[in-house]
Amino acid sequence: MSPANTENPAWITVPSADSLPEKVATEIDPIVQKIGFVPNVARLLAITPDHFVGWWRYFDELMRGPSGLSKTQREMIAVVVSAEARCPYCVAAHAAALRLRTKDAALVDRLAANYRHVELARQDRVMLDFAVKLTQTPEACDEDDSVRLLEAGFTDADILHIVEVTAIFNYNVRLATATGLFPNAGYHQLGRAAITEG
């Protein structure tokens, strides 16, 4: 067992990466095979395996299932909402995912620092502004927000999907920050080109 598998990544005790309940290990294995480690969030939610499975299947469908939103747009929402909520785990994990998708580490770093200073396509700007509004001041959302999203080219189904992705990241942020969950070290290097000295 490596130290990474035994170190507790939260303020509450979670299973080691080597002792996940079978149903959790089965669900998360495709991601483990892709990135090379068990995400700490899987270890956290493995405390209640049935909750993990329900959450993971819905989350996976939102992020990777069919949609009018591109997978890149979904990860952009993930990064920006996580950054606005100052969640170290979610920022690290989804910045890594977005770097892998875009192959543009500098862009992702800027989005994670302050998306407002990043040059974006109009549709992405409207989408992210709405996701941040829903995160910070949900009571201020009104019909005009839907009108702006429709005018930017989103369909009604797309708007609901933006809301769902934003909502699940507000949920994820609270799971991570309330338990002190910290990111796997491996996330910080995923999607970054190696620096060589010449």
Protein backbone atom coordinates (compact mmCIF):
# COMPACT_ATOMS: atom_id res chain seq x y z
CA MET A 1 0.00 0.00 0.00
CA SER A 2 1.48 3.33 -1.03
CA PRO A 3 1.31 6.41 1.23
CA ALA A 4 -1.09 8.00 -1.27
CA ASN A 5 -3.49 5.12 -0.67
CA THR A 6 -3.35 5.27 3.11
CA GLU A 7 -3.22 9.03 3.77
CA ASN A 8 -6.59 10.31 4.94
CA PRO A 9 -7.69 13.15 2.62
CA ALA A 10 -10.44 14.66 4.79
CA TRP A 11 -11.40 15.71 8.31
CA ILE A 12 -13.43 12.53 8.63
CA THR A 13 -12.01 9.03 8.16
CA VAL A 14 -12.55 7.60 4.69
CA PRO A 15 -11.69 4.21 3.15
CA SER A 16 -8.27 3.84 1.59
CA ALA A 17 -8.03 3.69 -2.19
CA ASP A 18 -7.21 -0.01 -1.83
CA SER A 19 -10.26 -0.86 0.27
CA LEU A 20 -13.18 0.73 -1.55
CA PRO A 21 -16.49 -1.13 -1.40
CA GLU A 22 -16.92 -3.22 -4.54
CA LYS A 23 -19.78 -1.15 -5.97
CA VAL A 24 -17.74 2.04 -5.60
CA ALA A 25 -14.60 0.49 -7.11
CA THR A 26 -16.61 -0.82 -10.08
CA GLU A 27 -18.21 2.56 -10.82
CA ILE A 28 -15.01 4.58 -10.54
CA ASP A 29 -12.67 2.14 -12.31
CA PRO A 30 -12.96 3.72 -15.82
CA ILE A 31 -11.78 7.04 -14.36
CA VAL A 32 -9.00 5.35 -12.37
CA GLN A 33 -7.78 3.65 -15.55
CA LYS A 34 -7.73 7.01 -17.35
CA ILE A 35 -6.03 9.19 -14.73
CA GLY A 36 -4.04 6.64 -12.76
CA PHE A 37 -5.44 7.17 -9.25
CA VAL A 38 -8.64 6.96 -7.21
CA PRO A 39 -10.20 10.43 -6.86
CA ASN A 40 -10.46 11.38 -3.21
CA VAL A 41 -14.14 12.24 -3.66
CA ALA A 42 -14.80 8.56 -4.39
CA ARG A 43 -13.09 7.67 -1.12
CA LEU A 44 -15.17 10.25 0.73
CA LEU A 45 -18.51 9.07 -0.63
CA ALA A 46 -17.48 5.42 -0.27
CA ILE A 47 -18.46 5.88 3.38
CA THR A 48 -22.04 5.49 2.04
CA PRO A 49 -21.63 3.36 -1.11
CA ASP A 50 -25.24 3.64 -2.27
CA HIS A 51 -25.03 7.44 -2.10
CA PHE A 52 -21.83 7.34 -4.13
CA VAL A 53 -23.38 5.18 -6.85
CA GLY A 54 -26.49 7.38 -7.17
CA TRP A 55 -24.45 10.58 -7.18
CA TRP A 56 -21.81 9.25 -9.57
CA ARG A 57 -24.25 7.99 -12.20
CA TYR A 58 -26.11 11.30 -12.26
CA PHE A 59 -22.87 13.30 -12.23
CA ASP A 60 -21.32 11.18 -14.99
CA GLU A 61 -24.42 11.59 -17.17
CA LEU A 62 -24.42 15.36 -16.65
CA MET A 63 -20.73 15.71 -17.51
CA ARG A 64 -20.29 13.12 -20.24
CA GLY A 65 -23.74 12.16 -21.52
CA PRO A 66 -25.50 13.48 -24.65
CA SER A 67 -26.19 17.22 -24.57
CA GLY A 68 -26.37 20.39 -26.59
CA LEU A 69 -23.55 21.59 -24.32
CA SER A 70 -20.07 20.51 -25.28
CA LYS A 71 -18.08 18.57 -22.69
CA THR A 72 -15.67 21.51 -22.65
CA GLN A 73 -18.50 23.90 -21.77
CA ARG A 74 -19.58 21.62 -18.93
CA GLU A 75 -16.06 21.53 -17.52
CA MET A 76 -15.83 25.32 -17.86
CA ILE A 77 -18.90 25.62 -15.64
CA ALA A 78 -17.30 23.17 -13.20
CA VAL A 79 -14.06 25.15 -12.97
CA VAL A 80 -15.67 28.58 -12.70
CA VAL A 81 -18.31 27.59 -10.15
CA SER A 82 -15.65 25.80 -8.09
CA ALA A 83 -13.34 28.81 -8.27
CA GLU A 84 -16.10 31.24 -7.29
CA ALA A 85 -16.85 29.03 -4.27
CA ARG A 86 -13.11 28.74 -3.46
CA CYS A 87 -13.14 24.94 -3.31
CA PRO A 88 -9.57 23.59 -3.59
CA TYR A 89 -10.67 20.03 -4.37
CA CYS A 90 -13.16 20.87 -7.09
CA VAL A 91 -10.91 23.47 -8.73
CA ALA A 92 -7.96 21.07 -8.88
CA ALA A 93 -9.99 18.13 -10.16
CA HIS A 94 -11.92 19.99 -12.83
CA ALA A 95 -9.10 22.25 -13.94
CA ALA A 96 -7.26 18.99 -14.65
CA ALA A 97 -10.23 17.66 -16.63
CA LEU A 98 -10.51 20.91 -18.59
CA ARG A 99 -6.78 20.94 -19.35
CA LEU A 100 -7.09 17.41 -20.74
CA ARG A 101 -9.99 18.52 -22.95
CA THR A 102 -8.61 21.84 -24.20
CA LYS A 103 -4.86 21.11 -24.21
CA ASP A 104 -4.55 24.73 -23.05
CA ALA A 105 -3.22 24.90 -19.50
CA ALA A 106 -2.80 28.68 -19.60
CA LEU A 107 -6.47 29.21 -20.49
CA VAL A 108 -7.60 26.91 -17.70
CA ASP A 109 -5.35 28.63 -15.16
CA ARG A 110 -6.87 31.98 -16.13
CA LEU A 111 -10.42 30.63 -15.86
CA ALA A 112 -9.65 29.25 -12.41
CA ALA A 113 -8.14 32.55 -11.30
CA ASN A 114 -10.86 34.88 -12.63
CA TYR A 115 -12.98 33.97 -15.64
CA ARG A 116 -14.02 37.62 -16.02
CA HIS A 117 -10.56 38.46 -17.38
CA VAL A 118 -10.60 35.72 -20.02
CA GLU A 119 -11.57 36.38 -23.62
CA LEU A 120 -14.47 34.04 -24.32
CA ALA A 121 -16.99 33.33 -27.05
CA ARG A 122 -20.22 35.25 -26.38
CA GLN A 123 -22.17 32.07 -25.71
CA ASP A 124 -19.63 30.88 -23.15
CA ARG A 125 -19.59 34.29 -21.46
CA VAL A 126 -23.39 34.33 -21.10
CA MET A 127 -23.34 30.73 -19.83
CA LEU A 128 -20.66 31.37 -17.21
CA ASP A 129 -22.17 34.67 -16.07
CA PHE A 130 -25.43 32.84 -15.46
CA ALA A 131 -23.72 29.94 -13.65
CA VAL A 132 -21.98 32.43 -11.34
CA LYS A 133 -25.21 34.33 -10.70
CA LEU A 134 -27.00 31.09 -9.84
CA THR A 135 -24.12 30.19 -7.50
CA GLN A 136 -23.78 33.53 -5.74
CA THR A 137 -27.26 35.07 -5.77
CA PRO A 138 -29.80 32.42 -6.79
CA GLU A 139 -32.67 34.58 -5.52
CA ALA A 140 -31.77 37.17 -8.17
CA CYS A 141 -32.34 34.79 -11.09
CA ASP A 142 -35.29 35.75 -13.26
CA GLU A 143 -36.84 35.22 -16.67
CA ASP A 144 -34.38 37.65 -18.25
CA ASP A 145 -31.60 35.15 -17.58
CA SER A 146 -33.37 32.54 -19.68
CA VAL A 147 -33.98 35.10 -22.41
CA ARG A 148 -30.26 35.95 -22.53
CA LEU A 149 -29.34 32.28 -22.73
CA LEU A 150 -31.85 31.67 -25.52
CA GLU A 151 -30.54 34.71 -27.40
CA ALA A 152 -27.01 33.30 -27.05
CA GLY A 153 -28.11 30.17 -28.90
CA PHE A 154 -28.98 27.77 -26.12
CA THR A 155 -32.15 25.67 -26.24
CA ASP A 156 -34.51 25.12 -23.33
CA ALA A 157 -32.87 21.71 -22.78
CA ASP A 158 -29.44 23.35 -22.78
CA ILE A 159 -30.58 25.90 -20.18
CA LEU A 160 -31.81 23.14 -17.89
CA HIS A 161 -28.50 21.34 -18.36
CA ILE A 162 -26.56 24.50 -17.43
CA VAL A 163 -28.69 24.76 -14.29
CA GLU A 164 -28.12 21.09 -13.42
CA VAL A 165 -24.35 21.25 -13.91
CA THR A 166 -24.17 24.46 -11.87
CA ALA A 167 -26.33 22.93 -9.15
CA ILE A 168 -24.33 19.72 -8.84
CA PHE A 169 -21.13 21.70 -8.49
CA ASN A 170 -22.65 23.78 -5.73
CA TYR A 171 -23.47 20.44 -4.09
CA ASN A 172 -19.98 19.03 -4.74
CA VAL A 173 -18.32 22.17 -3.36
CA ARG A 174 -20.24 21.79 -0.12
CA LEU A 175 -19.36 18.11 0.17
CA ALA A 176 -15.68 18.89 -0.26
CA THR A 177 -15.38 22.05 1.82
CA ALA A 178 -17.49 20.81 4.73
CA THR A 179 -15.30 17.71 5.09
CA GLY A 180 -11.93 19.33 4.39
CA LEU A 181 -11.43 17.15 1.32
CA PHE A 182 -8.13 17.91 -0.37
CA PRO A 183 -7.22 17.09 -3.97
CA ASN A 184 -5.11 14.18 -5.09
CA ALA A 185 -1.60 15.37 -5.90
CA GLY A 186 -1.95 13.84 -9.35
CA TYR A 187 -4.55 16.39 -10.40
CA HIS A 188 -2.02 19.21 -10.37
CA GLN A 189 0.03 17.67 -13.19
CA LEU A 190 -2.71 16.24 -15.41
CA GLY A 191 -2.88 18.06 -18.74
CA ARG A 192 0.31 20.04 -18.23
CA ALA A 193 3.22 19.73 -20.63
CA ALA A 194 6.51 18.78 -19.02
CA ILE A 195 8.91 21.70 -18.69
CA THR A 196 12.35 21.01 -20.10
CA GLU A 197 15.41 23.19 -19.73
CA GLY A 198 17.39 23.83 -22.86
